[in-house]
Amino acid sequence: MDMRKGAKIAVGGVAVAMVGAAGLGAYNLVDAVADGTGTKSEAAPVRTGPPTGGEIDRAAHDFLAAWAAGDTEHAATLTDNASAASAALTGYRENAHVEKVTLEPGAATGAKVPFTVTAEITYGKQRSTWKYASSLEVVRGRTSGKALVDWQPTVVHPELRTGGTLRTDAVQAPQVTALDRNGAVLDPKDHPSLAPVLPQLRKRFGEKAGGEPAVEVRAQGPDGAGAGAGAGARTLHVVSKGKPGTLRTTLDADAQRAAEAAVAKRADASVVAVKPSTGEILAVANSKKTEFNPALQGQTAPGSTMKVVTAATLLEQGKAAPGKPLPCPKYATYGMRFHNVEESENPKATFAEDFAASCNTAFISLADDIPDNALAAEARDVFGLGLEWKTGIGSFDGSVPVDSGAGKAAAMIGQGRVQMSPLNMASVAATVRTGSFHQPYLVAPSVDDRELARAARPLPAPVARDLRSMMRLTALSGTGARAMAGLGGDVGAKTGSAEVDNQAQPNGWFTAYRGDVAAAAVVPQGGHGGDSAGPIVAAVLRAG
């Protein structure tokens, strides 16, 4: 059979066409040459010159037959670069996940033999048939004189380059259709702050949400990059387009819309809302639409909103009580001099009034009455701050380092080395509302069996009651009253203004709850928290 008229070579058990005897040539024969006695023999001379048509047919046939049969090593020996051919053909089977290959040669043109490849690919549960055209060229071996396949990576596929390989892989996590808690689709066009959130959900929960990743065959260079210099890995065949998963989140579309609208009124603002009874995150919004999500990942001083944690510490230690007198002087010194906003004072204030008016000096006057580690312990053991929260998305879980001297005093009013995000401060308000910490989360832990952080203990009931009364006083007649006006029911609030070095205005903070919704917001350089961040929180609470 003349391969120049076409012959088919397939895997396993299928007879392959053979060329005629004339095509064998003399390069592999040993001739007996008489020396007068008839006993001497010698190897035939090494053939030179271009391979004959018969040699081309036979060399191409044998190589394709060995490749199709899965005999990679033998196929490689039929080329002029056995090591490179072996690596490429082995990679074709193992990296490209080709389970079976059928090779159909076409009519040769000179020393070049085109052929059609039908590759059966198996990747996990995915199956696909891939057909493409390739070609090989037959040359004469320089030392052996044999007709051999001139090895080039393009024999395996026209897009393959030296040192490269074909790979079949899941190219990306499955798409995810994210739903809110009531089943409404969360589209980033409607909720722009979720644009950086949804890719994270896709990466973490795509397959767990029932999705299947796209699977593709790609040509990669020796460095794992593209088939060509400087190119990205090129897709040669799509095994499966995959299918999206459906993931229900804890977000509430109505609260999310309210949060988006509220932060949009500021050039830079972030807000988070949570459900105190469960820790479920109801809304996440940022004015700036970047990959970084300050609402969940921000790490800045929370200012006087931290006084919620400090007040809990002082109440538990028995160093203060809501109705107990605690003067609010203009200045207080503890390692350094501290002052109040606008240097206000109230020498006849009670602890509850100091809290509602956000008096820095009153709190700092008690710094020497509590151990250096008391604030950090309260933050961790009761409010769950710093306990490696597993929200289902990238988030910061707060930091309250142990400090002494001026650092300790600064921490008591949310300055110094204390770092929080709006998520952290929303959780602080939520903990007061219910009396115990519920780690915030955006995706239910049952989806991926992750363990939520748990605080060591709840707030003592009398302390929780006192904190709620002081936060209510702040919301009704203290620094939070203007923002919380018109919000009835069970409410509580705390304002904050965090000073930052070399910044003209402090960052404005506000945290509050209303019923079973708690929220916190920060407005960088917003000034007084009640005026800047307060209306944002109130808008979200109103929607909730």
Protein backbone atom coordinates (compact mmCIF):
# COMPACT_ATOMS: atom_id res chain seq x y z
CA MET A 1 0.00 0.00 0.00
CA ASP A 2 1.41 3.39 -0.93
CA MET A 3 0.97 5.93 1.95
CA ARG A 4 1.01 8.66 -0.64
CA LYS A 5 -2.48 7.54 -1.47
CA GLY A 6 -3.50 7.68 2.21
CA ALA A 7 -3.64 5.09 4.96
CA LYS A 8 -5.25 5.02 8.41
CA ILE A 9 -3.42 4.18 11.62
CA ALA A 10 -5.38 3.69 14.85
CA VAL A 11 -4.79 2.65 18.45
CA GLY A 12 -4.75 -0.94 19.58
CA GLY A 13 -5.75 -4.04 17.65
CA VAL A 14 -6.32 -2.30 14.32
CA ALA A 15 -4.25 -3.52 11.43
CA VAL A 16 -2.00 -0.89 9.91
CA ALA A 17 -1.05 -0.56 6.28
CA MET A 18 2.44 -1.73 5.24
CA VAL A 19 4.48 -0.46 2.34
CA GLY A 20 5.74 -2.81 -0.35
CA ALA A 21 9.08 -4.56 -0.15
CA ALA A 22 10.57 -2.10 -2.60
CA GLY A 23 10.04 0.62 -0.05
CA LEU A 24 12.24 -1.03 2.56
CA GLY A 25 15.47 0.19 1.01
CA ALA A 26 18.89 -1.18 1.80
CA TYR A 27 19.73 0.82 4.91
CA ASN A 28 18.83 -1.97 7.32
CA LEU A 29 20.18 -5.01 5.50
CA VAL A 30 23.41 -7.01 5.84
CA ASP A 31 24.89 -8.37 2.60
CA ALA A 32 27.05 -11.48 2.38
CA VAL A 33 30.11 -10.76 0.27
CA ALA A 34 32.30 -13.69 -0.81
CA ASP A 35 36.03 -13.36 -0.15
CA GLY A 36 36.99 -16.39 -2.16
CA THR A 37 36.02 -18.83 0.56
CA GLY A 38 32.41 -17.74 0.92
CA THR A 39 32.83 -17.18 4.64
CA LYS A 40 33.38 -13.44 5.03
CA SER A 41 30.49 -10.93 5.49
CA GLU A 42 30.36 -7.15 6.10
CA ALA A 43 27.71 -4.47 6.72
CA ALA A 44 26.21 -2.75 3.76
CA PRO A 45 27.46 0.81 3.31
CA VAL A 46 25.50 3.60 5.05
CA ARG A 47 23.08 5.11 2.62
CA THR A 48 23.26 8.77 1.79
CA GLY A 49 21.19 11.29 -0.09
CA PRO A 50 17.51 12.16 0.29
CA PRO A 51 15.21 9.33 1.43
CA THR A 52 13.29 7.58 -1.29
CA GLY A 53 9.53 7.63 -1.56
CA GLY A 54 9.37 4.14 -0.12
CA GLU A 55 11.57 5.09 2.80
CA ILE A 56 9.41 8.13 3.52
CA ASP A 57 6.26 6.01 3.52
CA ARG A 58 7.77 3.37 5.78
CA ALA A 59 9.35 5.81 8.27
CA ALA A 60 6.16 7.85 8.59
CA HIS A 61 4.03 4.71 8.88
CA ASP A 62 6.15 3.10 11.58
CA PHE A 63 6.33 6.31 13.63
CA LEU A 64 2.60 7.00 13.47
CA ALA A 65 1.77 3.38 14.23
CA ALA A 66 3.99 3.35 17.33
CA TRP A 67 2.58 6.68 18.54
CA ALA A 68 -1.01 5.52 18.00
CA ALA A 69 -0.32 2.25 19.81
CA GLY A 70 0.98 4.14 22.84
CA ASP A 71 4.54 2.84 22.37
CA THR A 72 6.12 6.21 23.08
CA GLU A 73 9.67 4.95 23.47
CA HIS A 74 9.66 3.05 20.20
CA ALA A 75 8.09 5.96 18.37
CA ALA A 76 10.84 8.22 19.75
CA THR A 77 13.58 5.93 18.39
CA LEU A 78 12.14 6.41 14.91
CA THR A 79 13.03 10.11 15.05
CA ASP A 80 16.34 11.97 14.84
CA ASN A 81 15.99 13.27 18.43
CA ALA A 82 14.75 10.43 20.59
CA SER A 83 14.98 12.20 23.96
CA ALA A 84 13.03 15.27 22.87
CA ALA A 85 10.45 13.16 21.05
CA SER A 86 10.00 10.88 24.06
CA ALA A 87 9.41 13.82 26.39
CA ALA A 88 6.89 15.45 24.05
CA LEU A 89 4.96 12.26 23.28
CA THR A 90 4.87 11.27 26.97
CA GLY A 91 3.65 14.76 27.87
CA TYR A 92 0.99 14.46 25.18
CA ARG A 93 -0.41 11.38 26.86
CA GLU A 94 0.05 12.42 30.51
CA ASN A 95 -0.27 16.22 30.51
CA ALA A 96 -2.82 16.58 27.75
CA HIS A 97 -4.72 13.56 29.14
CA VAL A 98 -5.03 11.90 25.73
CA GLU A 99 -6.40 8.45 26.39
CA LYS A 100 -6.50 7.32 22.76
CA VAL A 101 -5.25 8.74 19.50
CA THR A 102 -6.05 7.87 15.89
CA LEU A 103 -3.67 9.11 13.20
CA GLU A 104 -4.67 9.22 9.52
CA PRO A 105 -1.86 10.07 7.09
CA GLY A 106 -2.52 11.98 3.91
CA ALA A 107 -0.71 12.09 0.59
CA ALA A 108 2.96 13.01 0.99
CA THR A 109 4.48 15.97 -0.77
CA GLY A 110 8.14 15.21 -1.14
CA ALA A 111 9.49 14.31 2.30
CA LYS A 112 6.55 15.95 4.11
CA VAL A 113 3.67 13.74 5.24
CA PRO A 114 0.48 15.45 6.51
CA PHE A 115 -1.76 13.58 8.90
CA THR A 116 -5.00 14.08 10.80
CA VAL A 117 -5.14 13.56 14.55
CA THR A 118 -8.24 12.42 16.42
CA ALA A 119 -7.49 12.56 20.14
CA GLU A 120 -9.84 11.20 22.80
CA ILE A 121 -9.34 13.30 25.94
CA THR A 122 -10.37 12.21 29.43
CA TYR A 123 -10.14 14.70 32.31
CA GLY A 124 -11.97 13.65 35.43
CA LYS A 125 -15.60 13.23 34.42
CA GLN A 126 -15.10 15.21 31.22
CA ARG A 127 -14.74 13.50 27.82
CA SER A 128 -14.05 15.14 24.49
CA THR A 129 -12.89 14.31 20.96
CA TRP A 130 -10.30 16.69 19.51
CA LYS A 131 -9.48 16.66 15.79
CA TYR A 132 -6.71 18.66 14.18
CA ALA A 133 -4.18 18.48 11.35
CA SER A 134 -0.42 18.13 11.67
CA SER A 135 2.52 16.95 9.56
CA LEU A 136 5.96 15.42 9.77
CA GLU A 137 9.02 15.36 7.56
CA VAL A 138 11.32 12.41 6.92
CA VAL A 139 15.08 12.92 6.71
CA ARG A 140 18.07 10.61 6.51
CA GLY A 141 19.95 10.08 9.74
CA ARG A 142 23.42 11.60 9.59
CA THR A 143 25.23 8.63 11.18
CA SER A 144 22.84 5.73 10.69
CA GLY A 145 21.73 6.52 7.17
CA LYS A 146 18.23 5.46 8.18
CA ALA A 147 15.10 7.30 7.14
CA LEU A 148 13.86 9.02 10.34
CA VAL A 149 11.18 11.49 11.32
CA ASP A 150 12.75 14.92 11.65
CA TRP A 151 11.70 15.67 15.21
CA GLN A 152 10.01 18.99 15.78
CA PRO A 153 7.47 19.78 18.57
CA THR A 154 5.07 20.81 15.78
CA VAL A 155 4.68 17.12 14.93
CA VAL A 156 2.59 16.76 18.08
CA HIS A 157 0.67 19.96 17.32
CA PRO A 158 1.44 22.90 15.02
CA GLU A 159 1.26 25.33 17.97
CA LEU A 160 3.77 23.49 20.16
CA ARG A 161 7.25 24.97 20.55
CA THR A 162 10.61 23.60 21.70
CA GLY A 163 10.52 22.65 25.37
CA GLY A 164 6.78 23.22 25.57
CA THR A 165 3.93 20.88 26.28
CA LEU A 166 0.21 20.53 25.75
CA ARG A 167 -1.78 20.59 28.97
CA THR A 168 -5.39 19.77 29.69
CA ASP A 169 -6.52 21.54 32.85
CA ALA A 170 -9.40 23.20 34.63
CA VAL A 171 -8.49 26.72 33.58
CA GLN A 172 -10.45 28.63 36.22
CA ALA A 173 -12.90 28.17 39.05
CA PRO A 174 -16.52 27.69 38.02
CA GLN A 175 -18.71 30.71 37.55
CA VAL A 176 -21.01 31.44 40.47
CA THR A 177 -24.46 32.94 40.47
CA ALA A 178 -24.56 34.68 43.85
CA LEU A 179 -27.93 35.09 45.53
CA ASP A 180 -28.96 37.17 48.48
CA ARG A 181 -30.54 35.61 51.56
CA ASN A 182 -33.97 35.65 49.89
CA GLY A 183 -32.87 34.20 46.56
CA ALA A 184 -32.46 37.44 44.59
CA VAL A 185 -29.55 37.47 42.13
CA LEU A 186 -26.74 39.80 43.21
CA ASP A 187 -25.56 41.50 40.04
CA PRO A 188 -22.52 43.82 40.38
CA LYS A 189 -24.22 46.17 37.92
CA ASP A 190 -26.87 46.78 40.57
CA HIS A 191 -24.48 46.41 43.52
CA PRO A 192 -21.11 47.81 42.37
CA SER A 193 -19.43 47.28 45.75
CA LEU A 194 -19.80 43.53 45.22
CA ALA A 195 -17.60 43.56 42.10
CA PRO A 196 -14.46 42.60 44.09
CA VAL A 197 -16.43 40.22 46.30
CA LEU A 198 -17.96 37.94 43.67
CA PRO A 199 -14.62 36.73 42.19
CA GLN A 200 -13.56 35.66 45.67
CA LEU A 201 -16.80 33.75 46.12
CA ARG A 202 -16.23 32.10 42.76
CA LYS A 203 -12.70 31.02 43.68
CA ARG A 204 -13.63 29.73 47.13
CA PHE A 205 -17.04 28.21 46.54
CA GLY A 206 -17.44 27.60 42.79
CA GLU A 207 -17.28 23.81 42.94
CA LYS A 208 -18.83 23.59 46.41
CA ALA A 209 -21.80 25.52 45.03
CA GLY A 210 -22.35 22.84 42.38
CA GLY A 211 -20.39 24.45 39.58
CA GLU A 212 -18.03 22.74 37.17
CA PRO A 213 -14.87 24.45 35.91
CA ALA A 214 -14.11 24.97 32.25
CA VAL A 215 -11.54 22.45 30.97
CA GLU A 216 -9.26 23.34 28.06
CA VAL A 217 -6.24 22.04 26.19
CA ARG A 218 -3.55 24.71 26.08
CA ALA A 219 -0.10 25.02 24.56
CA GLN A 220 2.41 26.09 27.18
CA GLY A 221 6.05 27.05 26.84
CA PRO A 222 8.87 25.54 28.92
CA ASP A 223 8.33 28.17 31.64
CA GLY A 224 4.61 27.46 31.88
CA ALA A 225 3.79 30.52 29.80
CA GLY A 226 2.39 30.60 26.31
CA ALA A 227 3.24 28.58 23.29
CA GLY A 228 5.20 31.46 21.78
CA ALA A 229 7.68 33.89 23.27
CA GLY A 230 5.95 36.42 25.48
CA ALA A 231 2.52 34.98 24.77
CA GLY A 232 -0.05 33.78 27.23
CA ALA A 233 -1.01 30.10 27.22
CA ARG A 234 -3.16 29.62 24.14
CA THR A 235 -6.33 27.60 24.20
CA LEU A 236 -6.32 24.96 21.46
CA HIS A 237 -9.41 22.97 22.37
CA VAL A 238 -12.29 23.35 24.83
CA VAL A 239 -13.03 20.06 26.55
CA SER A 240 -15.88 21.50 28.61
CA LYS A 241 -17.26 25.01 29.03
CA GLY A 242 -18.18 24.15 32.60
CA LYS A 243 -21.33 25.22 34.36
CA PRO A 244 -22.00 27.86 37.03
CA GLY A 245 -22.83 27.05 40.61
CA THR A 246 -25.51 28.78 42.65
CA LEU A 247 -24.41 30.24 45.97
CA ARG A 248 -26.76 31.76 48.51
CA THR A 249 -25.09 34.44 50.63
CA THR A 250 -26.23 36.15 53.81
CA LEU A 251 -26.53 39.54 52.09
CA ASP A 252 -29.85 41.33 51.90
CA ALA A 253 -30.46 43.03 48.54
CA ASP A 254 -32.51 45.85 50.09
CA ALA A 255 -29.90 46.58 52.76
CA GLN A 256 -27.17 46.35 50.13
CA ARG A 257 -28.91 48.91 47.91
CA ALA A 258 -29.32 51.25 50.87
CA ALA A 259 -25.65 50.84 51.78
CA GLU A 260 -24.54 51.52 48.19
CA ALA A 261 -26.67 54.67 48.01
CA ALA A 262 -25.44 55.91 51.40
CA VAL A 263 -21.71 55.60 50.71
CA ALA A 264 -22.17 57.11 47.23
CA LYS A 265 -22.81 60.46 48.88
CA ARG A 266 -19.19 60.53 50.06
CA ALA A 267 -15.97 60.45 48.03
CA ASP A 268 -14.58 57.85 50.42
CA ALA A 269 -16.70 55.84 52.84
CA SER A 270 -17.30 52.23 53.86
CA VAL A 271 -20.12 50.51 55.71
CA VAL A 272 -21.02 47.01 56.89
CA ALA A 273 -24.26 45.68 58.38
CA VAL A 274 -24.63 42.42 60.29
CA LYS A 275 -27.43 40.47 61.96
CA PRO A 276 -26.58 40.43 65.71
CA SER A 277 -28.46 37.24 66.50
CA THR A 278 -26.49 35.18 63.97
CA GLY A 279 -23.48 37.16 62.73
CA GLU A 280 -24.75 37.07 59.13
CA ILE A 281 -23.41 39.95 57.03
CA LEU A 282 -26.31 41.84 55.49
CA ALA A 283 -24.54 44.56 53.48
CA VAL A 284 -21.03 45.61 52.43
CA ALA A 285 -20.42 48.85 50.55
CA ASN A 286 -17.53 51.16 49.66
CA SER A 287 -17.46 54.47 47.81
CA LYS A 288 -14.21 53.60 46.06
CA LYS A 289 -14.60 50.68 43.69
CA THR A 290 -11.24 48.89 43.83
CA GLU A 291 -10.11 45.33 44.46
CA PHE A 292 -9.29 46.26 48.04
CA ASN A 293 -12.38 46.12 50.22
CA PRO A 294 -11.91 48.52 53.19
CA ALA A 295 -15.33 47.70 54.61
CA LEU A 296 -14.09 44.17 55.38
CA GLN A 297 -10.32 44.49 55.19
CA GLY A 298 -9.58 48.01 56.41
CA GLN A 299 -7.11 48.39 59.28
CA THR A 300 -7.39 51.81 60.87
CA ALA A 301 -7.84 53.26 64.35
CA PRO A 302 -11.56 53.20 65.27
CA GLY A 303 -11.47 56.25 67.54
CA SER A 304 -14.10 56.51 70.25
CA THR A 305 -16.23 53.66 68.90
CA MET A 306 -13.62 51.56 70.74
CA LYS A 307 -15.00 52.98 73.99
CA VAL A 308 -17.70 50.30 73.76
CA VAL A 309 -15.02 47.67 74.43
CA THR A 310 -13.25 49.90 76.97
CA ALA A 311 -16.51 50.54 78.82
CA ALA A 312 -17.17 46.81 78.97
CA THR A 313 -13.69 46.33 80.46
CA LEU A 314 -14.21 49.03 83.09
CA LEU A 315 -17.67 47.74 83.99
CA GLU A 316 -16.44 44.16 84.35
CA GLN A 317 -13.47 45.27 86.45
CA GLY A 318 -15.82 47.24 88.70
CA LYS A 319 -14.03 50.50 87.98
CA ALA A 320 -17.10 52.31 86.65
CA ALA A 321 -20.90 52.22 86.65
CA PRO A 322 -23.39 54.15 84.48
CA GLY A 323 -24.64 56.36 87.32
CA LYS A 324 -21.31 56.70 89.13
CA PRO A 325 -19.69 60.17 88.95
CA LEU A 326 -16.65 60.38 86.69
CA PRO A 327 -15.56 63.95 85.90
CA CYS A 328 -14.69 64.90 82.34
CA PRO A 329 -11.79 67.41 82.51
CA LYS A 330 -10.37 69.27 79.53
CA TYR A 331 -7.09 67.36 79.75
CA ALA A 332 -5.74 64.12 81.18
CA THR A 333 -2.15 62.92 81.34
CA TYR A 334 -1.09 59.29 81.21
CA GLY A 335 2.31 59.02 79.58
CA MET A 336 1.29 61.98 77.45
CA ARG A 337 -1.34 64.71 77.46
CA PHE A 338 -4.79 63.89 76.06
CA HIS A 339 -7.71 66.19 75.32
CA ASN A 340 -11.36 66.06 74.24
CA VAL A 341 -12.83 67.20 70.97
CA GLU A 342 -12.91 71.01 71.09
CA GLU A 343 -11.38 70.66 74.58
CA SER A 344 -14.84 70.25 76.13
CA GLU A 345 -15.33 69.39 79.80
CA ASN A 346 -17.99 68.36 82.31
CA PRO A 347 -16.74 68.16 85.92
CA LYS A 348 -20.09 66.79 87.16
CA ALA A 349 -20.50 64.01 84.58
CA THR A 350 -21.42 60.40 85.31
CA PHE A 351 -19.80 57.49 83.47
CA ALA A 352 -22.90 57.13 81.26
CA GLU A 353 -22.75 60.83 80.38
CA ASP A 354 -19.02 60.56 79.61
CA PHE A 355 -19.82 57.69 77.25
CA ALA A 356 -22.70 59.53 75.56
CA ALA A 357 -20.60 62.70 75.14
CA SER A 358 -17.53 60.64 74.13
CA CYS A 359 -15.26 62.16 76.77
CA ASN A 360 -11.67 60.98 76.21
CA THR A 361 -10.22 62.32 79.43
CA ALA A 362 -12.73 60.55 81.68
CA PHE A 363 -11.80 57.18 80.21
CA ILE A 364 -8.07 57.89 80.36
CA SER A 365 -8.37 58.91 84.01
CA LEU A 366 -9.11 55.25 84.75
CA ALA A 367 -6.16 53.85 82.77
CA ASP A 368 -4.15 53.18 85.91
CA ASP A 369 -7.04 51.22 87.43
CA ILE A 370 -6.92 48.30 85.01
CA PRO A 371 -4.05 45.92 84.11
CA ASP A 372 -2.12 46.54 80.90
CA ASN A 373 -3.59 43.41 79.29
CA ALA A 374 -7.22 44.01 80.36
CA LEU A 375 -8.40 45.77 77.20
CA ALA A 376 -6.78 43.24 74.87
CA ALA A 377 -8.26 40.35 76.86
CA GLU A 378 -11.76 41.85 76.82
CA ALA A 379 -11.54 42.48 73.07
CA ARG A 380 -10.48 38.89 72.42
CA ASP A 381 -12.39 36.87 75.01
CA VAL A 382 -15.73 38.70 74.85
CA PHE A 383 -15.87 40.54 71.53
CA GLY A 384 -14.01 37.89 69.48
CA LEU A 385 -11.58 40.40 67.99
CA GLY A 386 -8.38 38.89 66.59
CA LEU A 387 -9.70 35.32 66.59
CA GLU A 388 -9.07 34.52 62.90
CA TRP A 389 -12.55 35.04 61.57
CA LYS A 390 -13.57 32.82 58.68
CA THR A 391 -16.21 34.92 56.99
CA GLY A 392 -16.06 33.09 53.66
CA ILE A 393 -14.24 36.02 52.08
CA GLY A 394 -11.08 38.00 52.74
CA SER A 395 -11.54 40.03 55.94
CA PHE A 396 -9.65 41.53 58.88
CA ASP A 397 -10.63 40.39 62.37
CA GLY A 398 -9.36 43.33 64.41
CA SER A 399 -6.26 43.92 66.50
CA VAL A 400 -5.92 45.18 70.09
CA PRO A 401 -2.32 44.68 71.23
CA VAL A 402 -1.32 44.69 74.88
CA ASP A 403 0.22 48.07 75.64
CA SER A 404 1.31 50.23 78.55
CA GLY A 405 1.81 53.88 79.38
CA ALA A 406 0.61 56.33 76.74
CA GLY A 407 -0.04 53.44 74.33
CA LYS A 408 -2.44 51.84 76.79
CA ALA A 409 -4.28 55.14 77.33
CA ALA A 410 -4.50 55.76 73.58
CA ALA A 411 -5.91 52.28 73.02
CA MET A 412 -8.71 52.96 75.50
CA ILE A 413 -10.03 55.68 73.19
CA GLY A 414 -9.41 53.77 69.96
CA GLN A 415 -6.10 55.31 69.03
CA GLY A 416 -2.50 54.08 69.22
CA ARG A 417 -1.99 50.59 67.83
CA VAL A 418 -5.64 49.51 67.83
CA GLN A 419 -6.78 48.59 64.32
CA MET A 420 -10.34 47.89 63.15
CA SER A 421 -12.51 47.65 60.05
CA PRO A 422 -16.19 48.63 59.76
CA LEU A 423 -16.95 44.90 59.91
CA ASN A 424 -15.20 44.65 63.29
CA MET A 425 -17.03 47.61 64.76
CA ALA A 426 -20.40 46.43 63.44
CA SER A 427 -19.69 43.16 65.24
CA VAL A 428 -18.84 45.04 68.46
CA ALA A 429 -22.23 46.75 68.41
CA ALA A 430 -23.90 43.43 67.58
CA THR A 431 -22.20 41.76 70.56
CA VAL A 432 -23.60 44.42 72.89
CA ARG A 433 -27.05 44.03 71.35
CA THR A 434 -27.23 40.26 72.01
CA GLY A 435 -24.78 39.95 74.89
CA SER A 436 -22.53 37.45 73.10
CA PHE A 437 -20.22 37.31 70.09
CA HIS A 438 -21.41 35.73 66.85
CA GLN A 439 -18.62 35.67 64.27
CA PRO A 440 -19.72 37.54 61.14
CA TYR A 441 -19.92 35.55 57.92
CA LEU A 442 -21.00 36.12 54.33
CA VAL A 443 -21.41 32.46 53.35
CA ALA A 444 -22.86 29.87 55.69
CA PRO A 445 -20.15 27.65 57.23
CA SER A 446 -22.14 24.58 56.19
CA VAL A 447 -21.14 25.21 52.57
CA ASP A 448 -17.51 24.31 53.20
CA ASP A 449 -17.59 22.92 56.76
CA ARG A 450 -15.39 25.68 58.16
CA GLU A 451 -15.29 26.40 61.89
CA LEU A 452 -16.39 29.87 62.96
CA ALA A 453 -14.45 31.69 65.65
CA ARG A 454 -15.93 31.51 69.13
CA ALA A 455 -15.31 33.94 71.98
CA ALA A 456 -14.29 32.50 75.32
CA ARG A 457 -17.30 33.92 77.14
CA PRO A 458 -20.33 36.21 76.78
CA LEU A 459 -20.75 39.59 78.37
CA PRO A 460 -21.95 39.25 81.96
CA ALA A 461 -25.68 40.03 81.90
CA PRO A 462 -25.42 43.15 84.13
CA VAL A 463 -22.59 44.51 81.98
CA ALA A 464 -24.53 43.89 78.76
CA ARG A 465 -27.52 45.65 80.26
CA ASP A 466 -25.43 48.67 81.29
CA LEU A 467 -23.75 48.90 77.89
CA ARG A 468 -27.10 48.84 76.10
CA SER A 469 -28.41 51.60 78.36
CA MET A 470 -25.36 53.78 77.64
CA MET A 471 -25.52 53.16 73.88
CA ARG A 472 -29.23 54.01 73.97
CA LEU A 473 -28.46 57.25 75.80
CA THR A 474 -25.90 58.08 73.09
CA ALA A 475 -28.44 57.39 70.35
CA LEU A 476 -31.23 59.42 71.93
CA SER A 477 -29.47 62.41 73.49
CA GLY A 478 -25.70 62.01 73.04
CA THR A 479 -23.33 62.45 70.12
CA GLY A 480 -25.32 60.00 67.99
CA ALA A 481 -28.72 61.65 68.44
CA ARG A 482 -28.73 63.71 65.25
CA ALA A 483 -27.92 60.73 63.02
CA MET A 484 -30.31 58.37 64.82
CA ALA A 485 -33.25 60.79 64.89
CA GLY A 486 -36.46 59.15 63.72
CA LEU A 487 -35.25 55.60 64.25
CA GLY A 488 -37.55 54.09 66.83
CA GLY A 489 -37.41 50.76 68.60
CA ASP A 490 -34.46 49.22 70.40
CA VAL A 491 -31.54 51.42 69.39
CA GLY A 492 -27.99 52.08 70.53
CA ALA A 493 -25.06 54.01 69.06
CA LYS A 494 -21.49 55.20 69.54
CA THR A 495 -19.58 57.86 67.61
CA GLY A 496 -15.87 58.14 66.98
CA SER A 497 -13.32 60.57 65.57
CA ALA A 498 -9.92 59.00 65.02
CA GLU A 499 -7.00 61.36 64.64
CA VAL A 500 -4.37 60.44 62.07
CA ASP A 501 -0.90 61.94 61.83
CA ASN A 502 -0.46 64.52 59.05
CA GLN A 503 -4.19 64.46 58.32
CA ALA A 504 -6.17 67.70 58.53
CA GLN A 505 -9.43 66.05 59.66
CA PRO A 506 -9.90 62.92 61.77
CA ASN A 507 -11.58 59.82 60.36
CA GLY A 508 -15.26 59.78 61.22
CA TRP A 509 -16.65 56.55 62.73
CA PHE A 510 -20.13 55.47 63.79
CA THR A 511 -21.49 52.16 65.02
CA ALA A 512 -25.06 51.43 66.03
CA TYR A 513 -27.84 48.87 66.17
CA ARG A 514 -31.57 48.88 65.72
CA GLY A 515 -33.41 45.69 66.56
CA ASP A 516 -31.62 42.76 64.90
CA VAL A 517 -29.44 44.89 62.61
CA ALA A 518 -26.09 46.40 63.58
CA ALA A 519 -23.92 48.53 61.33
CA ALA A 520 -20.69 50.52 61.34
CA ALA A 521 -19.19 53.01 58.93
CA VAL A 522 -16.01 55.01 58.51
CA VAL A 523 -15.47 58.18 56.48
CA PRO A 524 -11.74 58.94 56.09
CA GLN A 525 -11.08 62.59 56.93
CA GLY A 526 -14.80 62.92 57.64
CA GLY A 527 -14.36 64.80 60.88
CA HIS A 528 -16.95 64.17 63.60
CA GLY A 529 -18.30 60.63 63.26
CA GLY A 530 -21.86 61.59 64.13
CA ASP A 531 -22.00 64.01 61.21
CA SER A 532 -20.08 62.02 58.58
CA ALA A 533 -20.47 58.30 59.24
CA GLY A 534 -23.67 58.54 61.29
CA PRO A 535 -26.09 59.22 58.40
CA ILE A 536 -24.62 56.29 56.46
CA VAL A 537 -25.24 53.86 59.31
CA ALA A 538 -28.71 55.29 59.95
CA ALA A 539 -29.67 54.79 56.29
CA VAL A 540 -28.68 51.13 56.45
CA LEU A 541 -30.49 50.60 59.78
CA ARG A 542 -33.58 52.24 58.33
CA ALA A 543 -33.55 49.84 55.37
CA GLY A 544 -32.99 46.89 57.69
